[in-house]
Each structure stands twice: as structure tokens, then as C-alpha cells.
Amino acid sequence: DEVAYSFVVTNTGNVTLTSVNIDDAVIGVTDLVVTPSTLAPGTVGTASYSYALPAADIAAGGVYNIATATGTDPNNNPTTDHFFSNETKLPD
């Protein structure tokens, strides 16, 4: 069994961010590239990931994950924000 995740990242700041990616330790995602990976203020990028459910998640009946989006500002500083997924319930 798999869960298909769709991540949506919006640059709510006032500078353009480059190299935007997503990390999510719960589902094992590291440096998942957002498309487009350069986001001007107010623009949106997306990424998708299919998560193969391990037996522990199936037994628990769902997955609750916390993803982190990171980009680089014009001064080469990382900018990070967290977003939370509602628990993904599995059918009985």
C-alpha cells in the first residue's frame, strides 16, 4: 500500500527564493525538489511523493507527518518553514 503526497509551497515573503526543496523525516523525504525550484514572492511550487506504507503505519491506521520547505534567499541564507499534514487515515 502507498500514500500519494502532493506538497504545495507558496513564497509568502518579499524576496525570490531559489533551490526550494522539501524534507520530511517521517516519510523519508530529503531534498525533494519543488517545481519550479525558484519562487518569486507570491508564487507557488509543487512536489509529489509516493510513500510505501510500512507495517507499523498500517497497524497504527495512519500517518501524521511534518514537512519542511527550505529555499535560499538572495543573500545565500537558508529560509525554512514547516507545514503539517493532517493525519492520513487508512481505510479499514
Protein backbone atom coordinates (compact mmCIF):
# COMPACT_ATOMS: atom_id res chain seq x y z
CA ASP A 1 0.00 0.00 0.00
CA GLU A 2 1.09 3.56 -0.75
CA VAL A 3 0.05 7.10 0.10
CA ALA A 4 0.47 9.74 -2.62
CA TYR A 5 1.56 13.07 -1.15
CA SER A 6 1.17 16.36 -3.01
CA PHE A 7 3.12 19.24 -1.48
CA VAL A 8 2.29 22.88 -2.29
CA VAL A 9 4.80 25.58 -1.34
CA THR A 10 3.95 29.31 -1.55
CA ASN A 11 6.57 32.04 -1.21
CA THR A 12 4.78 34.42 1.17
CA GLY A 13 7.88 36.56 1.64
CA ASN A 14 9.12 39.60 -0.26
CA VAL A 15 12.25 38.16 -1.92
CA THR A 16 12.80 35.44 -4.52
CA LEU A 17 13.86 32.04 -3.18
CA THR A 18 16.00 29.57 -5.13
CA SER A 19 16.69 25.85 -4.70
CA VAL A 20 13.38 25.28 -2.94
CA ASN A 21 13.03 21.71 -1.66
CA ILE A 22 11.14 19.65 0.91
CA ASP A 23 12.31 17.39 3.72
CA ASP A 24 10.01 15.11 5.68
CA ALA A 25 11.73 12.73 8.09
CA VAL A 26 8.53 10.79 8.85
CA ILE A 27 8.13 9.57 5.28
CA GLY A 28 11.85 9.57 4.45
CA VAL A 29 11.97 12.54 2.05
CA THR A 30 15.21 14.51 1.73
CA ASP A 31 15.77 17.33 -0.78
CA LEU A 32 12.58 16.64 -2.76
CA VAL A 33 12.77 19.30 -5.48
CA VAL A 34 9.87 21.74 -5.78
CA THR A 35 8.81 22.67 -9.33
CA PRO A 36 9.60 25.38 -10.13
CA SER A 37 12.52 25.45 -7.68
CA THR A 38 12.82 29.25 -7.92
CA LEU A 39 9.85 31.06 -6.36
CA ALA A 40 9.29 34.79 -6.71
CA PRO A 41 7.16 36.43 -3.98
CA GLY A 42 3.58 35.17 -4.18
CA THR A 43 4.34 32.24 -6.49
CA VAL A 44 3.63 28.57 -5.88
CA GLY A 45 5.66 25.41 -6.44
CA THR A 46 4.64 21.78 -6.10
CA ALA A 47 6.17 18.37 -5.49
CA SER A 48 4.81 14.84 -5.28
CA TYR A 49 5.97 11.75 -3.45
CA SER A 50 4.66 8.21 -3.12
CA TYR A 51 5.20 6.74 0.34
CA ALA A 52 5.23 2.97 0.70
CA LEU A 53 3.46 2.19 3.95
CA PRO A 54 5.45 0.06 6.37
CA ALA A 55 3.64 -2.46 8.57
CA ALA A 56 3.85 -0.13 11.60
CA ASP A 57 1.89 2.62 9.83
CA ILE A 58 -0.69 0.13 8.61
CA ALA A 59 -1.08 -1.25 12.15
CA ALA A 60 -1.40 2.30 13.53
CA GLY A 61 -4.12 3.06 10.97
CA GLY A 62 -2.47 6.16 9.52
CA VAL A 63 0.45 8.55 9.13
CA TYR A 64 0.95 12.03 10.59
CA ASN A 65 3.86 13.89 9.08
CA ILE A 66 5.58 17.27 9.33
CA ALA A 67 7.31 18.55 6.20
CA THR A 68 9.87 21.34 5.99
CA ALA A 69 10.29 23.55 2.94
CA THR A 70 13.66 25.25 2.52
CA GLY A 71 14.88 27.78 -0.04
CA THR A 72 17.80 30.15 -0.40
CA ASP A 73 17.32 33.94 -0.29
CA PRO A 74 19.29 36.45 -2.44
CA ASN A 75 21.92 36.77 0.32
CA ASN A 76 22.53 32.99 0.16
CA ASN A 77 20.81 32.42 3.53
CA PRO A 78 18.51 29.43 4.01
CA THR A 79 14.85 30.19 4.65
CA THR A 80 12.79 27.43 6.22
CA ASP A 81 9.14 26.89 7.08
CA HIS A 82 7.25 23.88 8.41
CA PHE A 83 3.90 22.69 7.29
CA PHE A 84 1.81 19.99 8.81
CA SER A 85 -0.17 17.26 7.16
CA ASN A 86 -3.37 16.13 8.72
CA GLU A 87 -3.21 12.54 9.74
CA THR A 88 -3.61 10.34 6.70
CA LYS A 89 -6.13 7.72 7.79
CA LEU A 90 -6.04 4.34 6.16
CA PRO A 91 -9.26 2.60 5.17
CA ASP A 92 -10.42 -0.23 7.38
